[in-house]
Amino acid sequence: MAITMTDAAASRVRTFLENRGKGIGLRLGVRTSGCSGMAYVLEFVDELQEEDQVFDHDGVKIIVDSKSMLYLEGTELDFAKEGLNEGFKFNNPNVSSECGCGESFNV
């Protein structure tokens, strides 16, 4: 399996990278946090690490470290606008529960 992203997410990441003026992609990871245990992390990547896995969608790269891959396998990154709110959404098939505020998850 792999990490995928929608066209909307790829377009948004491309815009962020162009505005930033540098970077090879976007790192998707997880960290221990929140009331359910894990939280998603998004960061710009300027340099690949040896353990990184790279997934490409229409020229936009998502980079995932090997530890995070255990929790993210099969995840789809999406970007949505809902009313005045907009942001990335994580469609992760590994999630068994989420906290009430939606900031963290458990696998």
Protein backbone atom coordinates (compact mmCIF):
# COMPACT_ATOMS: atom_id res chain seq x y z
CA MET A 1 0.00 0.00 0.00
CA ALA A 2 0.99 3.61 -0.18
CA ILE A 3 0.23 7.14 0.91
CA THR A 4 -1.96 8.99 -1.60
CA MET A 5 -3.39 12.47 -1.96
CA THR A 6 -6.29 13.97 -3.78
CA ASP A 7 -5.88 16.51 -6.57
CA ALA A 8 -7.12 19.21 -4.17
CA ALA A 9 -4.41 18.33 -1.63
CA ALA A 10 -1.70 18.18 -4.30
CA SER A 11 -2.74 21.60 -5.61
CA ARG A 12 -2.63 23.11 -2.11
CA VAL A 13 0.78 21.60 -1.30
CA ARG A 14 2.13 22.83 -4.65
CA THR A 15 0.90 26.36 -3.84
CA PHE A 16 2.50 26.25 -0.37
CA LEU A 17 5.85 25.11 -1.83
CA GLU A 18 5.75 27.76 -4.57
CA ASN A 19 4.98 30.51 -2.03
CA ARG A 20 7.74 29.24 0.23
CA GLY A 21 10.23 29.31 -2.66
CA LYS A 22 12.01 26.08 -1.75
CA GLY A 23 11.38 22.53 -0.62
CA ILE A 24 11.06 19.12 -2.23
CA GLY A 25 7.76 18.11 -0.66
CA LEU A 26 5.64 17.77 2.43
CA ARG A 27 6.43 15.44 5.33
CA LEU A 28 3.48 13.56 6.77
CA GLY A 29 4.17 12.04 10.15
CA VAL A 30 2.73 11.24 13.54
CA ARG A 31 3.75 12.13 17.07
CA THR A 32 2.53 11.14 20.49
CA SER A 33 0.03 13.77 21.55
CA GLY A 34 -3.54 14.55 22.50
CA CYS A 35 -6.12 12.62 24.42
CA SER A 36 -6.23 9.67 21.99
CA GLY A 37 -2.50 9.07 21.68
CA MET A 38 -1.32 10.16 18.21
CA ALA A 39 -1.50 13.39 16.20
CA TYR A 40 -0.65 14.13 12.58
CA VAL A 41 2.33 16.33 11.73
CA LEU A 42 2.85 18.20 8.45
CA GLU A 43 6.21 19.85 7.71
CA PHE A 44 8.06 21.12 4.66
CA VAL A 45 10.99 18.96 3.55
CA ASP A 46 14.15 20.48 2.16
CA GLU A 47 16.33 17.37 2.43
CA LEU A 48 15.48 13.66 2.46
CA GLN A 49 16.58 11.38 5.28
CA GLU A 50 17.82 7.84 4.65
CA GLU A 51 14.72 6.19 6.18
CA ASP A 52 12.23 8.35 4.24
CA GLN A 53 9.73 6.88 1.81
CA VAL A 54 8.60 9.19 -0.99
CA PHE A 55 5.17 9.09 -2.63
CA ASP A 56 4.41 11.23 -5.68
CA HIS A 57 1.10 12.59 -6.93
CA ASP A 58 1.26 14.66 -10.10
CA GLY A 59 4.77 15.90 -9.25
CA VAL A 60 3.97 16.68 -5.59
CA LYS A 61 5.88 14.59 -3.08
CA ILE A 62 4.71 13.30 0.30
CA ILE A 63 7.60 12.11 2.46
CA VAL A 64 7.02 9.69 5.35
CA ASP A 65 9.58 8.38 7.84
CA SER A 66 9.62 4.64 8.57
CA LYS A 67 8.23 4.95 12.14
CA SER A 68 5.24 7.03 11.01
CA MET A 69 4.60 4.66 8.11
CA LEU A 70 3.45 2.02 10.60
CA TYR A 71 0.49 4.26 11.49
CA LEU A 72 -0.09 5.88 8.10
CA GLU A 73 -0.06 2.95 5.64
CA GLY A 74 -2.95 3.44 3.20
CA THR A 75 -3.73 7.02 4.27
CA GLU A 76 -5.14 9.50 1.78
CA LEU A 77 -4.36 13.19 2.31
CA ASP A 78 -7.19 15.49 1.23
CA PHE A 79 -7.79 19.24 1.35
CA ALA A 80 -11.28 20.57 1.85
CA LYS A 81 -13.08 23.88 2.28
CA GLU A 82 -16.19 23.80 4.43
CA GLY A 83 -17.78 27.21 4.83
CA LEU A 84 -15.15 29.55 6.26
CA ASN A 85 -12.92 26.63 7.33
CA GLU A 86 -10.34 24.94 5.18
CA GLY A 87 -7.63 22.43 5.89
CA PHE A 88 -6.08 19.06 5.30
CA LYS A 89 -8.04 15.92 6.10
CA PHE A 90 -6.52 12.53 6.78
CA ASN A 91 -8.44 9.49 5.55
CA ASN A 92 -6.53 6.87 7.53
CA PRO A 93 -7.88 3.29 7.43
CA ASN A 94 -5.79 2.37 10.49
CA VAL A 95 -7.62 4.67 12.93
CA SER A 96 -9.66 2.79 15.52
CA SER A 97 -10.84 5.86 17.45
CA GLU A 98 -10.52 9.64 17.50
CA CYS A 99 -10.82 12.16 20.30
CA GLY A 100 -13.89 14.38 20.47
CA CYS A 101 -12.02 17.46 19.26
CA GLY A 102 -10.59 15.60 16.24
CA GLU A 103 -6.99 16.53 16.98
CA SER A 104 -5.70 13.07 17.86
CA PHE A 105 -6.35 9.42 17.07
CA ASN A 106 -5.60 5.88 18.16
CA VAL A 107 -4.75 2.82 16.05
